[in-house]
Amino acid sequence: MLTPEITILYAGLLGLMAIGLGATAGVKRAQAGISLGDGGDRELLMRMRRHANFVENVPLALILIALLEMQSVSGTAIHALGATLVLGRVLHAIGFGGR
């Protein structure tokens, strides 16, 4: 079985992004003194949703890209899919009020 080496690169980049998104929500949560929910804090809600949307969508996309790579789809196509996923997630975070 082929190891999806290209996908692993994008998974690593996206993993770092997930940590960053989670950290921004955690920092805002600590600053606001809110341990559960958003406490009506719109900025916290936005940060929570940015992170949640990421973790709701990225794992499936990475699995699908890895399956394509394991089926010997061209490396160029895999890079295009991975880069598009990363770019899309960055643009989503920025467009969704990212900092």
N, C-alpha and C. Protein backbone atom coordinates (compact mmCIF):
# COMPACT_ATOMS: atom_id res chain seq x y z
N MET A 1 0.85 -1.19 0.00
CA MET A 1 0.00 0.00 0.00
C MET A 1 0.89 1.24 0.00
N LEU A 2 0.51 2.21 -0.77
CA LEU A 2 1.27 3.44 -0.88
C LEU A 2 1.00 4.36 0.31
N THR A 3 2.06 4.99 0.81
CA THR A 3 1.91 5.99 1.86
C THR A 3 1.60 7.32 1.20
N PRO A 4 0.55 8.01 1.63
CA PRO A 4 0.18 9.29 1.01
C PRO A 4 1.10 10.42 1.47
N GLU A 5 2.34 10.41 0.98
CA GLU A 5 3.37 11.33 1.47
C GLU A 5 3.04 12.80 1.20
N ILE A 6 2.45 13.10 0.05
CA ILE A 6 2.11 14.49 -0.25
C ILE A 6 0.99 14.96 0.67
N THR A 7 0.01 14.12 0.89
CA THR A 7 -1.11 14.47 1.77
C THR A 7 -0.60 14.73 3.18
N ILE A 8 0.39 13.98 3.61
CA ILE A 8 0.96 14.16 4.94
C ILE A 8 1.50 15.58 5.10
N LEU A 9 2.11 16.12 4.05
CA LEU A 9 2.60 17.50 4.09
C LEU A 9 1.47 18.47 4.38
N TYR A 10 0.37 18.33 3.64
CA TYR A 10 -0.76 19.24 3.82
C TYR A 10 -1.47 19.00 5.16
N ALA A 11 -1.50 17.75 5.61
CA ALA A 11 -2.07 17.46 6.92
C ALA A 11 -1.27 18.15 8.02
N GLY A 12 0.04 18.17 7.88
CA GLY A 12 0.89 18.85 8.85
C GLY A 12 0.64 20.35 8.88
N LEU A 13 0.56 20.95 7.69
CA LEU A 13 0.29 22.39 7.61
C LEU A 13 -1.08 22.72 8.21
N LEU A 14 -2.06 21.92 7.86
CA LEU A 14 -3.42 22.15 8.37
C LEU A 14 -3.50 21.86 9.87
N GLY A 15 -2.71 20.90 10.34
CA GLY A 15 -2.66 20.63 11.78
C GLY A 15 -2.15 21.84 12.55
N LEU A 16 -1.12 22.49 12.02
CA LEU A 16 -0.61 23.71 12.65
C LEU A 16 -1.67 24.80 12.64
N MET A 17 -2.41 24.89 11.54
CA MET A 17 -3.47 25.89 11.46
C MET A 17 -4.57 25.59 12.48
N ALA A 18 -4.91 24.32 12.65
CA ALA A 18 -5.93 23.94 13.63
C ALA A 18 -5.50 24.34 15.03
N ILE A 19 -4.23 24.13 15.34
CA ILE A 19 -3.72 24.52 16.66
C ILE A 19 -3.85 26.03 16.83
N GLY A 20 -3.49 26.78 15.79
CA GLY A 20 -3.59 28.23 15.85
C GLY A 20 -5.01 28.71 16.05
N LEU A 21 -5.95 28.13 15.30
CA LEU A 21 -7.35 28.52 15.43
C LEU A 21 -7.89 28.18 16.82
N GLY A 22 -7.53 27.01 17.31
CA GLY A 22 -7.96 26.62 18.65
C GLY A 22 -7.37 27.53 19.72
N ALA A 23 -6.11 27.91 19.52
CA ALA A 23 -5.44 28.78 20.49
C ALA A 23 -6.10 30.16 20.54
N THR A 24 -6.48 30.70 19.38
CA THR A 24 -7.11 32.03 19.40
C THR A 24 -8.44 31.99 20.15
N ALA A 25 -9.17 30.91 19.98
CA ALA A 25 -10.43 30.77 20.73
C ALA A 25 -10.16 30.60 22.22
N GLY A 26 -9.15 29.81 22.55
CA GLY A 26 -8.81 29.59 23.95
C GLY A 26 -8.34 30.85 24.65
N VAL A 27 -7.53 31.64 23.95
CA VAL A 27 -7.04 32.89 24.53
C VAL A 27 -8.21 33.84 24.78
N LYS A 28 -9.09 33.97 23.81
CA LYS A 28 -10.26 34.86 23.98
C LYS A 28 -11.15 34.35 25.11
N ARG A 29 -11.32 33.04 25.20
CA ARG A 29 -12.13 32.45 26.27
C ARG A 29 -11.53 32.80 27.64
N ALA A 30 -10.20 32.69 27.75
CA ALA A 30 -9.53 33.01 29.01
C ALA A 30 -9.66 34.50 29.34
N GLN A 31 -9.48 35.35 28.33
CA GLN A 31 -9.59 36.80 28.54
C GLN A 31 -10.99 37.18 29.01
N ALA A 32 -11.99 36.52 28.45
CA ALA A 32 -13.38 36.83 28.78
C ALA A 32 -13.83 36.14 30.07
N GLY A 33 -13.04 35.19 30.56
CA GLY A 33 -13.41 34.47 31.77
C GLY A 33 -14.62 33.56 31.57
N ILE A 34 -14.74 33.01 30.36
CA ILE A 34 -15.88 32.15 30.03
C ILE A 34 -15.37 30.73 29.86
N SER A 35 -15.89 29.80 30.67
CA SER A 35 -15.41 28.42 30.60
C SER A 35 -16.30 27.52 29.73
N LEU A 36 -17.56 27.89 29.54
CA LEU A 36 -18.48 27.06 28.77
C LEU A 36 -19.34 27.94 27.88
N GLY A 37 -19.48 27.57 26.63
CA GLY A 37 -20.28 28.36 25.72
C GLY A 37 -19.55 29.62 25.31
N ASP A 38 -20.33 30.58 24.77
CA ASP A 38 -19.70 31.84 24.34
C ASP A 38 -20.06 33.02 25.24
N GLY A 39 -20.96 32.81 26.20
CA GLY A 39 -21.32 33.86 27.14
C GLY A 39 -21.86 35.12 26.49
N GLY A 40 -22.35 34.99 25.25
CA GLY A 40 -22.86 36.16 24.55
C GLY A 40 -21.76 37.03 23.94
N ASP A 41 -20.52 36.59 24.02
CA ASP A 41 -19.39 37.33 23.46
C ASP A 41 -19.27 37.00 21.98
N ARG A 42 -19.61 37.96 21.12
CA ARG A 42 -19.62 37.72 19.67
C ARG A 42 -18.24 37.35 19.13
N GLU A 43 -17.21 38.01 19.62
CA GLU A 43 -15.85 37.71 19.15
C GLU A 43 -15.48 36.27 19.51
N LEU A 44 -15.81 35.83 20.71
CA LEU A 44 -15.54 34.45 21.10
C LEU A 44 -16.32 33.49 20.23
N LEU A 45 -17.57 33.79 19.97
CA LEU A 45 -18.39 32.94 19.10
C LEU A 45 -17.76 32.81 17.73
N MET A 46 -17.29 33.91 17.16
CA MET A 46 -16.66 33.87 15.84
C MET A 46 -15.41 33.00 15.85
N ARG A 47 -14.59 33.14 16.87
CA ARG A 47 -13.38 32.32 16.97
C ARG A 47 -13.72 30.84 17.14
N MET A 48 -14.73 30.57 17.96
CA MET A 48 -15.16 29.19 18.16
C MET A 48 -15.67 28.58 16.85
N ARG A 49 -16.45 29.34 16.10
CA ARG A 49 -17.01 28.85 14.84
C ARG A 49 -15.94 28.66 13.77
N ARG A 50 -14.94 29.57 13.74
CA ARG A 50 -13.83 29.40 12.79
C ARG A 50 -13.14 28.06 13.04
N HIS A 51 -12.86 27.79 14.31
CA HIS A 51 -12.19 26.54 14.66
C HIS A 51 -13.10 25.34 14.40
N ALA A 52 -14.36 25.44 14.80
CA ALA A 52 -15.29 24.33 14.63
C ALA A 52 -15.51 24.00 13.15
N ASN A 53 -15.66 25.02 12.32
CA ASN A 53 -15.85 24.77 10.89
C ASN A 53 -14.64 24.06 10.32
N PHE A 54 -13.46 24.45 10.77
CA PHE A 54 -12.22 23.82 10.33
C PHE A 54 -12.24 22.33 10.66
N VAL A 55 -12.50 22.01 11.94
CA VAL A 55 -12.44 20.60 12.35
C VAL A 55 -13.62 19.79 11.82
N GLU A 56 -14.67 20.44 11.40
CA GLU A 56 -15.81 19.74 10.81
C GLU A 56 -15.54 19.35 9.36
N ASN A 57 -14.69 20.09 8.67
CA ASN A 57 -14.52 19.88 7.23
C ASN A 57 -13.17 19.35 6.79
N VAL A 58 -12.11 19.74 7.44
CA VAL A 58 -10.76 19.39 6.98
C VAL A 58 -10.47 17.89 7.07
N PRO A 59 -10.83 17.18 8.13
CA PRO A 59 -10.49 15.75 8.18
C PRO A 59 -11.03 14.96 6.99
N LEU A 60 -12.27 15.16 6.62
CA LEU A 60 -12.83 14.43 5.49
C LEU A 60 -12.10 14.79 4.20
N ALA A 61 -11.82 16.06 4.00
CA ALA A 61 -11.10 16.48 2.80
C ALA A 61 -9.73 15.81 2.73
N LEU A 62 -9.02 15.77 3.85
CA LEU A 62 -7.70 15.12 3.86
C LEU A 62 -7.80 13.62 3.59
N ILE A 63 -8.80 12.98 4.14
CA ILE A 63 -9.00 11.54 3.88
C ILE A 63 -9.23 11.30 2.40
N LEU A 64 -10.08 12.12 1.79
CA LEU A 64 -10.37 11.96 0.36
C LEU A 64 -9.14 12.21 -0.50
N ILE A 65 -8.36 13.23 -0.15
CA ILE A 65 -7.13 13.50 -0.90
C ILE A 65 -6.15 12.33 -0.73
N ALA A 66 -6.02 11.82 0.49
CA ALA A 66 -5.12 10.68 0.74
C ALA A 66 -5.56 9.46 -0.07
N LEU A 67 -6.85 9.21 -0.13
CA LEU A 67 -7.34 8.07 -0.92
C LEU A 67 -7.00 8.23 -2.39
N LEU A 68 -7.14 9.44 -2.90
CA LEU A 68 -6.76 9.69 -4.30
C LEU A 68 -5.27 9.44 -4.50
N GLU A 69 -4.46 9.94 -3.56
CA GLU A 69 -3.02 9.74 -3.68
C GLU A 69 -2.66 8.25 -3.63
N MET A 70 -3.34 7.50 -2.77
CA MET A 70 -3.08 6.07 -2.66
C MET A 70 -3.52 5.30 -3.90
N GLN A 71 -4.37 5.91 -4.70
CA GLN A 71 -4.79 5.31 -5.97
C GLN A 71 -3.93 5.79 -7.14
N SER A 72 -2.80 6.40 -6.80
CA SER A 72 -1.80 6.84 -7.78
C SER A 72 -2.26 7.98 -8.67
N VAL A 73 -3.14 8.85 -8.17
CA VAL A 73 -3.47 10.07 -8.88
C VAL A 73 -2.18 10.90 -8.93
N SER A 74 -1.99 11.66 -9.97
CA SER A 74 -0.73 12.38 -10.16
C SER A 74 -0.39 13.29 -8.97
N GLY A 75 0.91 13.40 -8.72
CA GLY A 75 1.38 14.26 -7.64
C GLY A 75 0.97 15.70 -7.84
N THR A 76 0.94 16.13 -9.08
CA THR A 76 0.52 17.50 -9.39
C THR A 76 -0.92 17.73 -8.95
N ALA A 77 -1.78 16.78 -9.23
CA ALA A 77 -3.19 16.90 -8.84
C ALA A 77 -3.33 16.90 -7.32
N ILE A 78 -2.56 16.07 -6.65
CA ILE A 78 -2.63 16.00 -5.18
C ILE A 78 -2.14 17.31 -4.58
N HIS A 79 -1.05 17.85 -5.12
CA HIS A 79 -0.56 19.16 -4.64
C HIS A 79 -1.60 20.25 -4.89
N ALA A 80 -2.24 20.19 -6.04
CA ALA A 80 -3.27 21.20 -6.36
C ALA A 80 -4.43 21.11 -5.37
N LEU A 81 -4.86 19.92 -5.06
CA LEU A 81 -5.95 19.74 -4.10
C LEU A 81 -5.53 20.18 -2.69
N GLY A 82 -4.35 19.76 -2.28
CA GLY A 82 -3.86 20.12 -0.95
C GLY A 82 -3.67 21.63 -0.80
N ALA A 83 -3.06 22.23 -1.81
CA ALA A 83 -2.83 23.68 -1.76
C ALA A 83 -4.15 24.44 -1.79
N THR A 84 -5.09 23.96 -2.57
CA THR A 84 -6.41 24.60 -2.62
C THR A 84 -7.10 24.49 -1.27
N LEU A 85 -6.99 23.34 -0.62
CA LEU A 85 -7.59 23.17 0.70
C LEU A 85 -6.96 24.13 1.71
N VAL A 86 -5.64 24.21 1.71
CA VAL A 86 -4.95 25.12 2.65
C VAL A 86 -5.35 26.56 2.36
N LEU A 87 -5.29 26.96 1.10
CA LEU A 87 -5.65 28.33 0.74
C LEU A 87 -7.10 28.64 1.12
N GLY A 88 -7.98 27.69 0.84
CA GLY A 88 -9.39 27.89 1.19
C GLY A 88 -9.61 28.06 2.67
N ARG A 89 -8.90 27.28 3.47
CA ARG A 89 -9.05 27.38 4.92
C ARG A 89 -8.47 28.69 5.44
N VAL A 90 -7.37 29.14 4.87
CA VAL A 90 -6.79 30.43 5.27
C VAL A 90 -7.76 31.56 4.91
N LEU A 91 -8.28 31.52 3.69
CA LEU A 91 -9.21 32.57 3.27
C LEU A 91 -10.49 32.54 4.10
N HIS A 92 -10.95 31.35 4.45
CA HIS A 92 -12.14 31.25 5.29
C HIS A 92 -11.89 31.89 6.65
N ALA A 93 -10.74 31.58 7.25
CA ALA A 93 -10.42 32.14 8.56
C ALA A 93 -10.32 33.66 8.49
N ILE A 94 -9.72 34.18 7.44
CA ILE A 94 -9.60 35.63 7.28
C ILE A 94 -10.98 36.24 7.03
N GLY A 95 -11.73 35.65 6.14
CA GLY A 95 -13.04 36.17 5.78
C GLY A 95 -14.06 36.08 6.90
N PHE A 96 -13.81 35.17 7.81
CA PHE A 96 -14.71 34.97 8.93
C PHE A 96 -14.25 35.77 10.14
N GLY A 97 -13.60 36.88 9.87
CA GLY A 97 -13.15 37.78 10.95
C GLY A 97 -11.88 37.35 11.62
N GLY A 98 -10.99 36.69 10.87
CA GLY A 98 -9.76 36.17 11.47
C GLY A 98 -8.77 37.23 11.85
N ARG A 99 -7.93 36.84 12.80
CA ARG A 99 -6.81 37.69 13.24
C ARG A 99 -5.56 36.88 13.22
